Protein backbone atom coordinates (compact mmCIF):
# COMPACT_ATOMS: atom_id res chain seq x y z
CA MET A 1 -8.02 8.93 7.94
CA LYS A 2 -10.40 9.60 5.11
CA ILE A 3 -8.61 7.51 2.46
CA ALA A 4 -6.90 4.14 2.72
CA VAL A 5 -4.62 2.86 -0.02
CA ILE A 6 -4.65 -0.93 -0.25
CA VAL A 7 -1.64 -2.56 -1.92
CA PRO A 8 -1.41 -6.33 -2.37
CA VAL A 9 2.20 -7.29 -3.12
CA TYR A 10 3.83 -10.43 -4.38
CA ASN A 11 7.56 -10.29 -5.14
CA GLY A 12 7.46 -6.52 -5.62
CA GLU A 13 11.10 -5.85 -4.74
CA LYS A 14 11.98 -4.23 -8.06
CA PHE A 15 8.83 -2.04 -8.16
CA LEU A 16 8.48 -0.97 -4.53
CA PRO A 17 11.15 1.77 -4.39
CA GLU A 18 9.48 3.77 -7.18
CA PHE A 19 5.98 3.08 -5.84
CA LEU A 20 6.99 4.22 -2.35
CA SER A 21 8.44 7.40 -3.86
CA CYS A 22 5.09 8.09 -5.51
CA LEU A 23 3.37 7.78 -2.15
CA LYS A 24 5.86 10.10 -0.45
CA ARG A 25 5.36 12.77 -3.13
CA GLN A 26 1.61 12.96 -2.61
CA THR A 27 0.46 16.54 -2.11
CA MET A 28 -2.13 15.42 0.42
CA LYS A 29 -0.48 13.70 3.37
CA CYS A 30 -3.53 12.56 5.33
CA PHE A 31 -3.97 8.98 4.12
CA GLU A 32 -3.01 5.52 5.29
CA VAL A 33 -1.51 2.61 3.37
CA PHE A 34 -2.07 -1.10 3.95
CA PHE A 35 0.51 -3.33 2.29
CA VAL A 36 -0.46 -7.00 2.21
CA ASP A 37 2.48 -9.22 1.28
CA ASP A 38 1.22 -12.39 -0.37
CA ALA A 39 4.08 -14.60 0.91
CA SER A 40 6.76 -13.00 -1.27
CA THR A 41 10.04 -14.84 -1.70
CA ASP A 42 12.18 -11.81 -2.61
CA LYS A 43 13.09 -8.79 -0.42
CA THR A 44 9.54 -7.41 -0.34
CA ARG A 45 9.20 -8.18 3.38
CA GLU A 46 12.40 -6.35 4.31
CA ILE A 47 11.55 -3.30 2.20
CA LEU A 48 8.03 -2.97 3.58
CA GLN A 49 8.98 -3.62 7.19
CA ARG A 50 11.63 -0.89 6.95
CA GLU A 51 9.15 1.58 5.40
CA THR A 52 6.32 0.83 7.81
CA ALA A 53 8.71 1.37 10.73
CA LYS A 54 9.40 4.90 9.41
CA GLU A 55 5.86 5.90 8.38
CA HIS A 56 3.17 5.75 11.09
CA ALA A 57 0.36 5.65 8.50
CA TYR A 58 1.86 2.62 6.70
CA HIS A 59 0.77 -0.84 7.81
CA TYR A 60 2.27 -4.19 6.84
CA PHE A 61 0.58 -7.58 6.83
CA ARG A 62 1.92 -10.85 5.48
CA ASN A 63 -0.03 -13.88 4.33
CA GLU A 64 1.59 -17.11 5.52
CA SER A 65 0.94 -18.69 2.12
CA ARG A 66 -0.06 -17.44 -1.32
CA LYS A 67 -3.70 -16.41 -1.26
CA GLY A 68 -3.89 -14.17 -4.34
CA ALA A 69 -4.45 -10.48 -4.98
CA ALA A 70 -8.20 -10.49 -4.25
CA TYR A 71 -7.74 -12.11 -0.84
CA SER A 72 -4.90 -9.69 -0.03
CA ARG A 73 -6.95 -6.64 -1.10
CA ASN A 74 -9.85 -7.78 1.05
CA ARG A 75 -7.52 -8.30 4.01
CA GLY A 76 -6.28 -4.72 3.63
CA ILE A 77 -9.79 -3.34 3.28
CA GLU A 78 -10.95 -5.19 6.40
CA SER A 79 -8.02 -3.71 8.36
CA SER A 80 -8.90 -0.15 7.40
CA GLN A 81 -11.47 2.07 9.04
CA SER A 82 -11.19 4.80 6.42
CA GLU A 83 -14.18 6.25 4.66
CA TYR A 84 -12.78 5.58 1.17
CA VAL A 85 -10.50 2.91 -0.26
CA LEU A 86 -8.11 3.17 -3.19
CA CYS A 87 -6.72 -0.15 -4.45
CA LEU A 88 -3.34 0.06 -6.16
CA ASP A 89 -0.66 -2.42 -7.16
CA ALA A 90 3.03 -2.20 -6.26
CA ASP A 91 3.98 -1.63 -9.90
CA ASP A 92 1.62 1.36 -10.30
CA LEU A 93 2.94 4.87 -10.81
CA ILE A 94 0.55 7.59 -9.71
CA ALA A 95 0.34 11.36 -10.11
CA ASP A 96 1.66 13.39 -7.19
CA ASP A 97 -1.81 14.82 -6.54
CA LEU A 98 -3.90 11.68 -7.09
CA ILE A 99 -5.02 11.28 -3.48
CA GLU A 100 -5.76 14.99 -3.17
CA GLN A 101 -7.89 14.87 -6.33
CA LEU A 102 -9.77 11.83 -5.07
CA SER A 103 -10.38 13.49 -1.73
CA GLN A 104 -11.80 16.59 -3.40
CA ALA A 105 -14.04 14.52 -5.66
């Protein structure tokens, strides 16, 4: 994959459905996503495990204890072998062609 999307998440249950919809609507489909759950206490784990089971390019990692967004981003980046990295948060809403535009740039 050319582009990896890194998403640290802490208690993102209420934001994840809309964020996941944004990812699914991307006009360019050749990208991977690394979700790093920072020991959430809501249903983040269940949501992301269900989604990563359906999408082969989605990866889920969970920190055993709270480490913070920077640690979680770095963990996602280290797991990726993509040429480029895009860091997003679970409450971000992105344009349907964002990844395509970044790839062309």
